[in-house]
C-alpha atoms as a PDB file:
ATOM      1  CA  ALA A   1     -50.004 -18.247 -27.311  1.00  0.00           C
ATOM      2  CA  GLU A   2     -46.950 -17.779 -29.486  1.00  0.00           C
ATOM      3  CA  ALA A   3     -43.700 -19.090 -28.082  1.00  0.00           C
ATOM      4  CA  THR A   4     -41.439 -16.326 -26.861  1.00  0.00           C
ATOM      5  CA  ILE A   5     -39.314 -15.072 -29.705  1.00  0.00           C
ATOM      6  CA  SER A   6     -35.680 -14.123 -29.214  1.00  0.00           C
ATOM      7  CA  ASP A   7     -34.363 -10.570 -29.214  1.00  0.00           C
ATOM      8  CA  PRO A   8     -32.638 -11.035 -32.609  1.00  0.00           C
ATOM      9  CA  GLU A   9     -35.959 -12.264 -34.069  1.00  0.00           C
ATOM     10  CA  ARG A  10     -37.798  -9.312 -32.525  1.00  0.00           C
ATOM     11  CA  ARG A  11     -35.197  -6.950 -33.956  1.00  0.00           C
ATOM     12  CA  GLU A  12     -35.587  -8.555 -37.374  1.00  0.00           C
ATOM     13  CA  ARG A  13     -39.372  -8.030 -37.259  1.00  0.00           C
ATOM     14  CA  ILE A  14     -38.933  -4.369 -36.285  1.00  0.00           C
ATOM     15  CA  ASP A  15     -36.488  -3.843 -39.174  1.00  0.00           C
ATOM     16  CA  ALA A  16     -38.837  -5.585 -41.618  1.00  0.00           C
ATOM     17  CA  LEU A  17     -41.766  -3.437 -40.471  1.00  0.00           C
ATOM     18  CA  TYR A  18     -39.722  -0.277 -40.792  1.00  0.00           C
ATOM     19  CA  GLN A  19     -38.520  -1.153 -44.297  1.00  0.00           C
ATOM     20  CA  LYS A  20     -42.166  -1.610 -45.315  1.00  0.00           C
ATOM     21  CA  TYR A  21     -43.116   1.777 -43.775  1.00  0.00           C
ATOM     22  CA  ARG A  22     -40.223   3.566 -45.488  1.00  0.00           C
ATOM     23  CA  ARG A  23     -41.978   3.243 -48.835  1.00  0.00           C
ATOM     24  CA  LYS A  24     -44.404   5.931 -47.613  1.00  0.00           C
ATOM     25  CA  PHE A  25     -41.610   8.445 -46.936  1.00  0.00           C
ATOM     26  CA  PRO A  26     -38.583   7.461 -49.067  1.00  0.00           C
ATOM     27  CA  GLU A  27     -37.216  11.015 -49.045  1.00  0.00           C
ATOM     28  CA  VAL A  28     -36.868  11.058 -45.237  1.00  0.00           C
ATOM     29  CA  GLU A  29     -33.407  10.255 -43.940  1.00  0.00           C
ATOM     30  CA  GLY A  30     -33.315   7.773 -41.084  1.00  0.00           C
ATOM     31  CA  ILE A  31     -31.080   7.478 -38.059  1.00  0.00           C
ATOM     32  CA  THR A  32     -30.592   4.153 -36.294  1.00  0.00           C
ATOM     33  CA  ALA A  33     -31.009   3.802 -32.550  1.00  0.00           C
ATOM     34  CA  ALA A  34     -27.284   3.000 -32.268  1.00  0.00           C
ATOM     35  CA  GLU A  35     -26.375   6.171 -34.208  1.00  0.00           C
ATOM     36  CA  LEU A  36     -28.738   8.267 -32.097  1.00  0.00           C
ATOM     37  CA  LEU A  37     -27.305   6.929 -28.835  1.00  0.00           C
ATOM     38  CA  ALA A  38     -23.765   7.637 -30.044  1.00  0.00           C
ATOM     39  CA  ASP A  39     -24.721  11.159 -31.193  1.00  0.00           C
ATOM     40  CA  LEU A  40     -26.391  11.949 -27.861  1.00  0.00           C
ATOM     41  CA  GLU A  41     -23.430  10.570 -25.895  1.00  0.00           C
ATOM     42  CA  ALA A  42     -21.099  12.701 -28.048  1.00  0.00           C
ATOM     43  CA  GLY A  43     -23.165  15.762 -27.150  1.00  0.00           C
ATOM     44  CA  ARG A  44     -24.663  16.383 -30.610  1.00  0.00           C
ATOM     45  CA  GLU A  45     -27.472  18.856 -30.222  1.00  0.00           C
ATOM     46  CA  LEU A  46     -30.654  17.193 -31.427  1.00  0.00           C
ATOM     47  CA  VAL A  47     -34.295  17.887 -30.660  1.00  0.00           C
ATOM     48  CA  LEU A  48     -36.159  14.603 -30.118  1.00  0.00           C
ATOM     49  CA  VAL A  49     -39.830  14.908 -31.055  1.00  0.00           C
ATOM     50  CA  ASP A  50     -42.191  12.192 -29.794  1.00  0.00           C
ATOM     51  CA  VAL A  51     -45.182  12.094 -32.170  1.00  0.00           C
ATOM     52  CA  ARG A  52     -47.197   9.504 -30.211  1.00  0.00           C
ATOM     53  CA  LYS A  53     -50.450  10.199 -28.366  1.00  0.00           C
ATOM     54  CA  PRO A  54     -50.269  11.640 -24.809  1.00  0.00           C
ATOM     55  CA  GLU A  55     -51.404   8.345 -23.267  1.00  0.00           C
ATOM     56  CA  GLU A  56     -48.492   6.567 -24.982  1.00  0.00           C
ATOM     57  CA  GLN A  57     -46.056   9.281 -23.884  1.00  0.00           C
ATOM     58  CA  ALA A  58     -47.309   8.955 -20.292  1.00  0.00           C
ATOM     59  CA  VAL A  59     -45.966   5.371 -20.207  1.00  0.00           C
ATOM     60  CA  SER A  60     -42.456   6.441 -21.246  1.00  0.00           C
ATOM     61  CA  MET A  61     -40.411   8.691 -23.499  1.00  0.00           C
ATOM     62  CA  ILE A  62     -36.756   8.992 -24.482  1.00  0.00           C
ATOM     63  CA  PRO A  63     -35.081  11.266 -21.890  1.00  0.00           C
ATOM     64  CA  GLY A  64     -35.069  14.886 -23.035  1.00  0.00           C
ATOM     65  CA  ALA A  65     -37.648  14.342 -25.792  1.00  0.00           C
ATOM     66  CA  ILE A  66     -40.552  16.732 -26.259  1.00  0.00           C
ATOM     67  CA  ALA A  67     -44.079  15.957 -27.371  1.00  0.00           C
ATOM     68  CA  GLN A  68     -45.110  16.989 -30.900  1.00  0.00           C
ATOM     69  CA  GLU A  69     -47.552  19.498 -29.401  1.00  0.00           C
ATOM     70  CA  GLU A  70     -44.766  21.200 -27.402  1.00  0.00           C
ATOM     71  CA  PHE A  71     -42.503  21.219 -30.468  1.00  0.00           C
ATOM     72  CA  GLU A  72     -45.224  22.922 -32.501  1.00  0.00           C
ATOM     73  CA  ARG A  73     -45.625  25.583 -29.795  1.00  0.00           C
ATOM     74  CA  ARG A  74     -41.864  26.238 -29.626  1.00  0.00           C
ATOM     75  CA  GLN A  75     -40.857  25.602 -33.244  1.00  0.00           C
ATOM     76  CA  GLU A  76     -39.678  29.133 -33.999  1.00  0.00           C
ATOM     77  CA  MET A  77     -37.098  28.853 -31.194  1.00  0.00           C
ATOM     78  CA  LEU A  78     -35.949  25.500 -32.570  1.00  0.00           C
ATOM     79  CA  ARG A  79     -35.723  26.487 -36.240  1.00  0.00           C
ATOM     80  CA  ASP A  80     -31.942  26.006 -36.574  1.00  0.00           C
ATOM     81  CA  LYS A  81     -31.866  22.626 -34.795  1.00  0.00           C
ATOM     82  CA  THR A  82     -31.800  19.120 -36.233  1.00  0.00           C
ATOM     83  CA  LEU A  83     -34.915  17.182 -35.258  1.00  0.00           C
ATOM     84  CA  VAL A  84     -35.250  13.436 -34.675  1.00  0.00           C
ATOM     85  CA  THR A  85     -38.847  12.233 -34.829  1.00  0.00           C
ATOM     86  CA  TYR A  86     -39.948   8.967 -33.248  1.00  0.00           C
ATOM     87  CA  CYS A  87     -43.031   6.946 -32.376  1.00  0.00           C
ATOM     88  CA  THR A  88     -43.403   3.234 -31.559  1.00  0.00           C
ATOM     89  CA  ALA A  89     -41.993   1.648 -34.731  1.00  0.00           C
ATOM     90  CA  GLY A  90     -41.280   4.622 -37.022  1.00  0.00           C
ATOM     91  CA  TYR A  91     -44.366   4.966 -39.212  1.00  0.00           C
ATOM     92  CA  ARG A  92     -46.153   7.969 -37.665  1.00  0.00           C
ATOM     93  CA  SER A  93     -42.845   9.731 -37.074  1.00  0.00           C
ATOM     94  CA  GLY A  94     -41.778   9.099 -40.680  1.00  0.00           C
ATOM     95  CA  LEU A  95     -44.952  10.700 -42.003  1.00  0.00           C
ATOM     96  CA  TYR A  96     -44.462  13.672 -39.669  1.00  0.00           C
ATOM     97  CA  ALA A  97     -40.806  14.000 -40.710  1.00  0.00           C
ATOM     98  CA  LYS A  98     -41.938  14.065 -44.337  1.00  0.00           C
ATOM     99  CA  GLU A  99     -44.255  17.003 -43.545  1.00  0.00           C
ATOM    100  CA  LEU A 100     -41.494  18.823 -41.650  1.00  0.00           C
ATOM    101  CA  GLN A 101     -39.085  18.305 -44.547  1.00  0.00           C
ATOM    102  CA  LYS A 102     -41.541  20.094 -46.845  1.00  0.00           C
ATOM    103  CA  GLU A 103     -41.230  23.057 -44.436  1.00  0.00           C
ATOM    104  CA  ASN A 104     -37.416  22.918 -44.791  1.00  0.00           C
ATOM    105  CA  TRP A 105     -36.648  21.422 -41.392  1.00  0.00           C
ATOM    106  CA  SER A 106     -33.489  19.393 -40.892  1.00  0.00           C
ATOM    107  CA  VAL A 107     -35.124  16.172 -39.708  1.00  0.00           C
ATOM    108  CA  LEU A 108     -34.221  12.510 -39.237  1.00  0.00           C
ATOM    109  CA  ASN A 109     -36.629   9.686 -38.430  1.00  0.00           C
ATOM    110  CA  LEU A 110     -35.613   7.166 -35.752  1.00  0.00           C
ATOM    111  CA  GLU A 111     -35.649   3.839 -37.644  1.00  0.00           C
ATOM    112  CA  GLY A 112     -37.713   1.298 -35.709  1.00  0.00           C
ATOM    113  CA  SER A 113     -38.320   4.109 -33.191  1.00  0.00           C
ATOM    114  CA  LEU A 114     -38.853   3.158 -29.536  1.00  0.00           C
ATOM    115  CA  LEU A 115     -38.865  -0.571 -30.222  1.00  0.00           C
ATOM    116  CA  ALA A 116     -35.410  -0.345 -31.825  1.00  0.00           C
ATOM    117  CA  TRP A 117     -34.283   2.035 -29.045  1.00  0.00           C
ATOM    118  CA  THR A 118     -34.929  -0.701 -26.443  1.00  0.00           C
ATOM    119  CA  HIS A 119     -32.767  -3.128 -28.434  1.00  0.00           C
ATOM    120  CA  GLU A 120     -29.857  -0.691 -28.118  1.00  0.00           C
ATOM    121  CA  GLY A 121     -30.431  -0.471 -24.362  1.00  0.00           C
ATOM    122  CA  GLY A 122     -31.717   3.090 -24.638  1.00  0.00           C
ATOM    123  CA  SER A 123     -33.139   4.538 -21.445  1.00  0.00           C
ATOM    124  CA  LEU A 124     -36.759   5.571 -21.011  1.00  0.00           C
ATOM    125  CA  VAL A 125     -38.361   7.926 -18.514  1.00  0.00           C
ATOM    126  CA  ASP A 126     -41.828   8.609 -17.165  1.00  0.00           C
ATOM    127  CA  SER A 127     -43.064  11.254 -14.713  1.00  0.00           C
ATOM    128  CA  GLU A 128     -41.368   9.374 -11.847  1.00  0.00           C
ATOM    129  CA  GLY A 129     -37.965   8.989 -13.505  1.00  0.00           C
ATOM    130  CA  THR A 130     -36.312   6.028 -15.231  1.00  0.00           C
ATOM    131  CA  THR A 131     -38.651   3.213 -16.285  1.00  0.00           C
ATOM    132  CA  ARG A 132     -38.492  -0.057 -18.234  1.00  0.00           C
ATOM    133  CA  ARG A 133     -42.098   0.302 -19.462  1.00  0.00           C
ATOM    134  CA  ILE A 134     -42.888   0.929 -23.133  1.00  0.00           C
ATOM    135  CA  HIS A 135     -46.263   1.496 -24.794  1.00  0.00           C
ATOM    136  CA  VAL A 136     -47.030  -0.891 -27.654  1.00  0.00           C
ATOM    137  CA  TYR A 137     -50.317  -1.325 -29.543  1.00  0.00           C
ATOM    138  CA  SER A 138     -51.042  -4.900 -28.542  1.00  0.00           C
ATOM    139  CA  ALA A 139     -49.396  -8.226 -27.764  1.00  0.00           C
ATOM    140  CA  ASP A 140     -48.632  -8.551 -31.492  1.00  0.00           C
ATOM    141  CA  TRP A 141     -46.543  -5.382 -31.269  1.00  0.00           C
ATOM    142  CA  SER A 142     -44.660  -6.549 -28.197  1.00  0.00           C
ATOM    143  CA  LEU A 143     -41.261  -6.514 -29.929  1.00  0.00           C
ATOM    144  CA  GLU A 144     -39.353  -4.633 -27.226  1.00  0.00           C
ATOM    145  CA  ALA A 145     -36.022  -5.998 -26.002  1.00  0.00           C
ATOM    146  CA  ALA A 146     -35.871  -8.392 -23.061  1.00  0.00           C
ATOM    147  CA  GLY A 147     -35.971  -6.522 -19.779  1.00  0.00           C
ATOM    148  CA  TYR A 148     -38.544  -3.952 -20.924  1.00  0.00           C
ATOM    149  CA  GLU A 149     -42.199  -4.213 -19.975  1.00  0.00           C
ATOM    150  CA  PRO A 150     -44.816  -3.753 -22.718  1.00  0.00           C
ATOM    151  CA  VAL A 151     -47.982  -1.825 -21.874  1.00  0.00           C
ATOM    152  CA  TRP A 152     -51.091  -1.552 -24.070  1.00  0.00           C
END
């Protein structure tokens, strides 16, 4: 088994992954987890869209986020809002943001997505309330910050 890697090393891996993904959606503007936290604390009205699968969302989501399916049902009511898409590391959400941009949505992609969010101390919720659990693909993807529990 690999020796435990430090939070700064985990963060570096997340950033490196995200930079690689960005080549697939260069036209999509990103927002960092730190910027998103600050915007939410300042009361900026953003619609957070979680593009992961329902079984991933069941483990945890960013408080107040809606699933992609719910967004698609309610999109006409949300037309004038700024969206922030996210997934686990930012790839699926970046591709979705690219599609939304083509439909003239104001959309930002959360860089490093949920993994980066944990490194900023962002809170997560499940059906019971606040949780420290986060869905990752496998042990290799276990790049969450210390104090969070990976689930796969």
